[in-house]
Amino acid sequence: MNDTISTLDELLSDPMVLLVMERDRVHPDQVRLLLERARRPSQDEPAVPPAHVIARTCQKLWLCP
């Protein structure tokens, strides 16, 4: 893999990426679906707040250091 990969198609056709995905039993179609869903969040699915918001809430309730 090199630093000039600029599209998802290029990334998903990279031999090293394909080897890692095969080892992890991940298919390129699954990655595409995941990224598509992340790009257009559904109104039916609850949104997860950013990590810094969760951490602040956690600290206020003394649930985390």
PDB file of N, CA and C in Angstrom:
ATOM      1  N   MET A   1       0.842  -1.179   0.000  1.00  0.00           N
ATOM      2  CA  MET A   1       0.000   0.000   0.000  1.00  0.00           C
ATOM      3  C   MET A   1       0.881   1.234   0.000  1.00  0.00           C
ATOM      4  N   ASN A   2       0.463   2.258  -0.701  1.00  0.00           N
ATOM      5  CA  ASN A   2       1.255   3.481  -0.721  1.00  0.00           C
ATOM      6  C   ASN A   2       0.400   4.671  -0.297  1.00  0.00           C
ATOM      7  N   ASP A   3       1.005   5.833  -0.257  1.00  0.00           N
ATOM      8  CA  ASP A   3       0.302   7.025   0.228  1.00  0.00           C
ATOM      9  C   ASP A   3      -0.538   7.701  -0.835  1.00  0.00           C
ATOM     10  N   THR A   4      -0.602   7.158  -2.033  1.00  0.00           N
ATOM     11  CA  THR A   4      -1.346   7.812  -3.101  1.00  0.00           C
ATOM     12  C   THR A   4      -2.744   7.235  -3.306  1.00  0.00           C
ATOM     13  N   ILE A   5      -3.172   6.300  -2.488  1.00  0.00           N
ATOM     14  CA  ILE A   5      -4.520   5.738  -2.611  1.00  0.00           C
ATOM     15  C   ILE A   5      -5.519   6.819  -2.231  1.00  0.00           C
ATOM     16  N   SER A   6      -6.465   7.068  -3.142  1.00  0.00           N
ATOM     17  CA  SER A   6      -7.384   8.162  -2.889  1.00  0.00           C
ATOM     18  C   SER A   6      -8.857   7.782  -2.978  1.00  0.00           C
ATOM     19  N   THR A   7      -9.161   6.592  -3.456  1.00  0.00           N
ATOM     20  CA  THR A   7     -10.566   6.194  -3.554  1.00  0.00           C
ATOM     21  C   THR A   7     -10.797   4.885  -2.806  1.00  0.00           C
ATOM     22  N   LEU A   8     -12.034   4.648  -2.479  1.00  0.00           N
ATOM     23  CA  LEU A   8     -12.396   3.410  -1.797  1.00  0.00           C
ATOM     24  C   LEU A   8     -12.113   2.207  -2.693  1.00  0.00           C
ATOM     25  N   ASP A   9     -12.382   2.339  -3.975  1.00  0.00           N
ATOM     26  CA  ASP A   9     -12.101   1.235  -4.901  1.00  0.00           C
ATOM     27  C   ASP A   9     -10.622   0.872  -4.897  1.00  0.00           C
ATOM     28  N   GLU A  10      -9.765   1.878  -4.893  1.00  0.00           N
ATOM     29  CA  GLU A  10      -8.330   1.611  -4.854  1.00  0.00           C
ATOM     30  C   GLU A  10      -7.935   0.942  -3.544  1.00  0.00           C
ATOM     31  N   LEU A  11      -8.489   1.420  -2.460  1.00  0.00           N
ATOM     32  CA  LEU A  11      -8.179   0.847  -1.151  1.00  0.00           C
ATOM     33  C   LEU A  11      -8.625  -0.607  -1.075  1.00  0.00           C
ATOM     34  N   LEU A  12      -9.830  -0.877  -1.535  1.00  0.00           N
ATOM     35  CA  LEU A  12     -10.375  -2.235  -1.449  1.00  0.00           C
ATOM     36  C   LEU A  12      -9.772  -3.183  -2.479  1.00  0.00           C
ATOM     37  N   SER A  13      -8.984  -2.674  -3.396  1.00  0.00           N
ATOM     38  CA  SER A  13      -8.303  -3.556  -4.348  1.00  0.00           C
ATOM     39  C   SER A  13      -6.825  -3.716  -4.005  1.00  0.00           C
ATOM     40  N   ASP A  14      -6.376  -3.073  -2.963  1.00  0.00           N
ATOM     41  CA  ASP A  14      -4.985  -3.195  -2.540  1.00  0.00           C
ATOM     42  C   ASP A  14      -4.747  -4.612  -2.013  1.00  0.00           C
ATOM     43  N   PRO A  15      -3.713  -5.300  -2.486  1.00  0.00           N
ATOM     44  CA  PRO A  15      -3.465  -6.691  -2.069  1.00  0.00           C
ATOM     45  C   PRO A  15      -3.282  -6.862  -0.558  1.00  0.00           C
ATOM     46  N   MET A  16      -2.609  -5.937   0.091  1.00  0.00           N
ATOM     47  CA  MET A  16      -2.393  -6.053   1.537  1.00  0.00           C
ATOM     48  C   MET A  16      -3.716  -5.894   2.289  1.00  0.00           C
ATOM     49  N   VAL A  17      -4.523  -4.947   1.860  1.00  0.00           N
ATOM     50  CA  VAL A  17      -5.832  -4.742   2.486  1.00  0.00           C
ATOM     51  C   VAL A  17      -6.697  -5.981   2.292  1.00  0.00           C
ATOM     52  N   LEU A  18      -6.667  -6.543   1.104  1.00  0.00           N
ATOM     53  CA  LEU A  18      -7.449  -7.747   0.838  1.00  0.00           C
ATOM     54  C   LEU A  18      -7.007  -8.923   1.704  1.00  0.00           C
ATOM     55  N   LEU A  19      -5.711  -9.051   1.923  1.00  0.00           N
ATOM     56  CA  LEU A  19      -5.219 -10.131   2.790  1.00  0.00           C
ATOM     57  C   LEU A  19      -5.704  -9.964   4.231  1.00  0.00           C
ATOM     58  N   VAL A  20      -5.634  -8.754   4.738  1.00  0.00           N
ATOM     59  CA  VAL A  20      -6.090  -8.499   6.111  1.00  0.00           C
ATOM     60  C   VAL A  20      -7.593  -8.725   6.214  1.00  0.00           C
ATOM     61  N   MET A  21      -8.333  -8.257   5.225  1.00  0.00           N
ATOM     62  CA  MET A  21      -9.779  -8.451   5.241  1.00  0.00           C
ATOM     63  C   MET A  21     -10.132  -9.939   5.176  1.00  0.00           C
ATOM     64  N   GLU A  22      -9.404 -10.688   4.361  1.00  0.00           N
ATOM     65  CA  GLU A  22      -9.651 -12.133   4.268  1.00  0.00           C
ATOM     66  C   GLU A  22      -9.379 -12.809   5.604  1.00  0.00           C
ATOM     67  N   ARG A  23      -8.278 -12.424   6.255  1.00  0.00           N
ATOM     68  CA  ARG A  23      -7.940 -12.997   7.559  1.00  0.00           C
ATOM     69  C   ARG A  23      -9.032 -12.695   8.587  1.00  0.00           C
ATOM     70  N   ASP A  24      -9.582 -11.484   8.511  1.00  0.00           N
ATOM     71  CA  ASP A  24     -10.612 -11.075   9.461  1.00  0.00           C
ATOM     72  C   ASP A  24     -12.022 -11.462   9.027  1.00  0.00           C
ATOM     73  N   ARG A  25     -12.100 -12.158   7.890  1.00  0.00           N
ATOM     74  CA  ARG A  25     -13.387 -12.595   7.334  1.00  0.00           C
ATOM     75  C   ARG A  25     -14.322 -11.416   7.065  1.00  0.00           C
ATOM     76  N   VAL A  26     -13.752 -10.361   6.505  1.00  0.00           N
ATOM     77  CA  VAL A  26     -14.517  -9.172   6.123  1.00  0.00           C
ATOM     78  C   VAL A  26     -14.533  -9.103   4.608  1.00  0.00           C
ATOM     79  N   HIS A  27     -15.706  -8.846   4.044  1.00  0.00           N
ATOM     80  CA  HIS A  27     -15.850  -8.767   2.597  1.00  0.00           C
ATOM     81  C   HIS A  27     -15.933  -7.303   2.170  1.00  0.00           C
ATOM     82  N   PRO A  28     -15.394  -6.979   1.015  1.00  0.00           N
ATOM     83  CA  PRO A  28     -15.454  -5.595   0.534  1.00  0.00           C
ATOM     84  C   PRO A  28     -16.871  -5.024   0.517  1.00  0.00           C
ATOM     85  N   ASP A  29     -17.852  -5.848   0.192  1.00  0.00           N
ATOM     86  CA  ASP A  29     -19.240  -5.366   0.185  1.00  0.00           C
ATOM     87  C   ASP A  29     -19.686  -4.920   1.572  1.00  0.00           C
ATOM     88  N   GLN A  30     -19.213  -5.603   2.606  1.00  0.00           N
ATOM     89  CA  GLN A  30     -19.555  -5.216   3.977  1.00  0.00           C
ATOM     90  C   GLN A  30     -18.963  -3.851   4.315  1.00  0.00           C
ATOM     91  N   VAL A  31     -17.740  -3.616   3.866  1.00  0.00           N
ATOM     92  CA  VAL A  31     -17.092  -2.322   4.117  1.00  0.00           C
ATOM     93  C   VAL A  31     -17.843  -1.220   3.397  1.00  0.00           C
ATOM     94  N   ARG A  32     -18.210  -1.471   2.146  1.00  0.00           N
ATOM     95  CA  ARG A  32     -18.965  -0.472   1.384  1.00  0.00           C
ATOM     96  C   ARG A  32     -20.290  -0.150   2.059  1.00  0.00           C
ATOM     97  N   LEU A  33     -21.004  -1.157   2.514  1.00  0.00           N
ATOM     98  CA  LEU A  33     -22.285  -0.956   3.185  1.00  0.00           C
ATOM     99  C   LEU A  33     -22.098  -0.159   4.478  1.00  0.00           C
ATOM    100  N   LEU A  34     -21.101  -0.509   5.250  1.00  0.00           N
ATOM    101  CA  LEU A  34     -20.827   0.205   6.493  1.00  0.00           C
ATOM    102  C   LEU A  34     -20.549   1.680   6.230  1.00  0.00           C
ATOM    103  N   LEU A  35     -19.716   1.963   5.251  1.00  0.00           N
ATOM    104  CA  LEU A  35     -19.383   3.355   4.949  1.00  0.00           C
ATOM    105  C   LEU A  35     -20.574   4.112   4.378  1.00  0.00           C
ATOM    106  N   GLU A  36     -21.381   3.449   3.580  1.00  0.00           N
ATOM    107  CA  GLU A  36     -22.581   4.083   3.036  1.00  0.00           C
ATOM    108  C   GLU A  36     -23.558   4.431   4.158  1.00  0.00           C
ATOM    109  N   ARG A  37     -23.733   3.534   5.097  1.00  0.00           N
ATOM    110  CA  ARG A  37     -24.632   3.787   6.226  1.00  0.00           C
ATOM    111  C   ARG A  37     -24.100   4.908   7.107  1.00  0.00           C
ATOM    112  N   ALA A  38     -22.787   4.981   7.260  1.00  0.00           N
ATOM    113  CA  ALA A  38     -22.187   6.044   8.072  1.00  0.00           C
ATOM    114  C   ALA A  38     -22.331   7.403   7.388  1.00  0.00           C
ATOM    115  N   ARG A  39     -22.312   7.392   6.079  1.00  0.00           N
ATOM    116  CA  ARG A  39     -22.422   8.649   5.344  1.00  0.00           C
ATOM    117  C   ARG A  39     -23.838   9.220   5.424  1.00  0.00           C
ATOM    118  N   ARG A  40     -24.824   8.345   5.394  1.00  0.00           N
ATOM    119  CA  ARG A  40     -26.217   8.784   5.460  1.00  0.00           C
ATOM    120  C   ARG A  40     -26.888   8.123   6.657  1.00  0.00           C
ATOM    121  N   PRO A  41     -26.761   8.717   7.838  1.00  0.00           N
ATOM    122  CA  PRO A  41     -27.364   8.089   9.023  1.00  0.00           C
ATOM    123  C   PRO A  41     -28.890   8.032   8.901  1.00  0.00           C
ATOM    124  N   SER A  42     -29.421   6.933   9.345  1.00  0.00           N
ATOM    125  CA  SER A  42     -30.862   6.714   9.289  1.00  0.00           C
ATOM    126  C   SER A  42     -31.548   7.441  10.432  1.00  0.00           C
ATOM    127  N   GLN A  43     -32.778   7.864  10.184  1.00  0.00           N
ATOM    128  CA  GLN A  43     -33.569   8.507  11.230  1.00  0.00           C
ATOM    129  C   GLN A  43     -34.050   7.479  12.263  1.00  0.00           C
ATOM    130  N   ASP A  44     -34.092   6.207  11.864  1.00  0.00           N
ATOM    131  CA  ASP A  44     -34.581   5.152  12.750  1.00  0.00           C
ATOM    132  C   ASP A  44     -33.544   4.714  13.775  1.00  0.00           C
ATOM    133  N   GLU A  45     -32.278   4.897  13.452  1.00  0.00           N
ATOM    134  CA  GLU A  45     -31.213   4.436  14.333  1.00  0.00           C
ATOM    135  C   GLU A  45     -30.772   5.572  15.263  1.00  0.00           C
ATOM    136  N   PRO A  46     -30.618   5.284  16.542  1.00  0.00           N
ATOM    137  CA  PRO A  46     -30.186   6.328  17.463  1.00  0.00           C
ATOM    138  C   PRO A  46     -28.747   6.760  17.169  1.00  0.00           C
ATOM    139  N   ALA A  47     -28.500   8.046  17.317  1.00  0.00           N
ATOM    140  CA  ALA A  47     -27.156   8.565  17.092  1.00  0.00           C
ATOM    141  C   ALA A  47     -26.321   8.401  18.361  1.00  0.00           C
ATOM    142  N   VAL A  48     -25.092   8.010  18.202  1.00  0.00           N
ATOM    143  CA  VAL A  48     -24.184   7.871  19.339  1.00  0.00           C
ATOM    144  C   VAL A  48     -23.415   9.180  19.474  1.00  0.00           C
ATOM    145  N   PRO A  49     -23.424   9.784  20.661  1.00  0.00           N
ATOM    146  CA  PRO A  49     -22.697  11.042  20.827  1.00  0.00           C
ATOM    147  C   PRO A  49     -21.198  10.827  20.702  1.00  0.00           C
ATOM    148  N   PRO A  50     -20.462  11.877  20.366  1.00  0.00           N
ATOM    149  CA  PRO A  50     -19.006  11.761  20.261  1.00  0.00           C
ATOM    150  C   PRO A  50     -18.383  11.333  21.586  1.00  0.00           C
ATOM    151  N   ALA A  51     -17.203  10.748  21.510  1.00  0.00           N
ATOM    152  CA  ALA A  51     -16.529  10.210  22.699  1.00  0.00           C
ATOM    153  C   ALA A  51     -16.299  11.270  23.764  1.00  0.00           C
ATOM    154  N   HIS A  52     -15.963  12.511  23.370  1.00  0.00           N
ATOM    155  CA  HIS A  52     -15.699  13.539  24.383  1.00  0.00           C
ATOM    156  C   HIS A  52     -16.959  13.894  25.166  1.00  0.00           C
ATOM    157  N   VAL A  53     -18.122  13.773  24.546  1.00  0.00           N
ATOM    158  CA  VAL A  53     -19.381  14.035  25.257  1.00  0.00           C
ATOM    159  C   VAL A  53     -19.660  12.911  26.242  1.00  0.00           C
ATOM    160  N   ILE A  54     -19.441  11.693  25.820  1.00  0.00           N
ATOM    161  CA  ILE A  54     -19.641  10.544  26.700  1.00  0.00           C
ATOM    162  C   ILE A  54     -18.692  10.627  27.888  1.00  0.00           C
ATOM    163  N   ALA A  55     -17.434  10.966  27.646  1.00  0.00           N
ATOM    164  CA  ALA A  55     -16.441  11.043  28.713  1.00  0.00           C
ATOM    165  C   ALA A  55     -16.820  12.111  29.735  1.00  0.00           C
ATOM    166  N   ARG A  56     -17.266  13.281  29.253  1.00  0.00           N
ATOM    167  CA  ARG A  56     -17.663  14.346  30.187  1.00  0.00           C
ATOM    168  C   ARG A  56     -18.820  13.894  31.079  1.00  0.00           C
ATOM    169  N   THR A  57     -19.814  13.251  30.475  1.00  0.00           N
ATOM    170  CA  THR A  57     -20.964  12.758  31.232  1.00  0.00           C
ATOM    171  C   THR A  57     -20.523  11.704  32.229  1.00  0.00           C
ATOM    172  N   CYS A  58     -19.664  10.815  31.805  1.00  0.00           N
ATOM    173  CA  CYS A  58     -19.146   9.743  32.661  1.00  0.00           C
ATOM    174  C   CYS A  58     -18.425  10.331  33.876  1.00  0.00           C
ATOM    175  N   GLN A  59     -17.600  11.341  33.657  1.00  0.00           N
ATOM    176  CA  GLN A  59     -16.845  11.936  34.740  1.00  0.00           C
ATOM    177  C   GLN A  59     -17.749  12.669  35.721  1.00  0.00           C
ATOM    178  N   LYS A  60     -18.781  13.343  35.222  1.00  0.00           N
ATOM    179  CA  LYS A  60     -19.713  14.061  36.099  1.00  0.00           C
ATOM    180  C   LYS A  60     -20.449  13.091  37.031  1.00  0.00           C
ATOM    181  N   LEU A  61     -20.695  11.891  36.550  1.00  0.00           N
ATOM    182  CA  LEU A  61     -21.403  10.893  37.354  1.00  0.00           C
ATOM    183  C   LEU A  61     -20.439  10.004  38.146  1.00  0.00           C
ATOM    184  N   TRP A  62     -19.155  10.310  38.099  1.00  0.00           N
ATOM    185  CA  TRP A  62     -18.124   9.559  38.792  1.00  0.00           C
ATOM    186  C   TRP A  62     -18.089   8.096  38.361  1.00  0.00           C
ATOM    187  N   LEU A  63     -18.359   7.858  37.073  1.00  0.00           N
ATOM    188  CA  LEU A  63     -18.346   6.489  36.555  1.00  0.00           C
ATOM    189  C   LEU A  63     -17.004   6.111  35.951  1.00  0.00           C
ATOM    190  N   CYS A  64     -16.184   7.100  35.665  1.00  0.00           N
ATOM    191  CA  CYS A  64     -14.867   6.838  35.068  1.00  0.00           C
ATOM    192  C   CYS A  64     -13.868   7.859  35.587  1.00  0.00           C
ATOM    193  N   PRO A  65     -12.577   7.544  35.499  1.00  0.00           N
ATOM    194  CA  PRO A  65     -11.552   8.456  36.043  1.00  0.00           C
ATOM    195  C   PRO A  65     -11.402   9.729  35.248  1.00  0.00           C
TER     196      PRO A  65
END
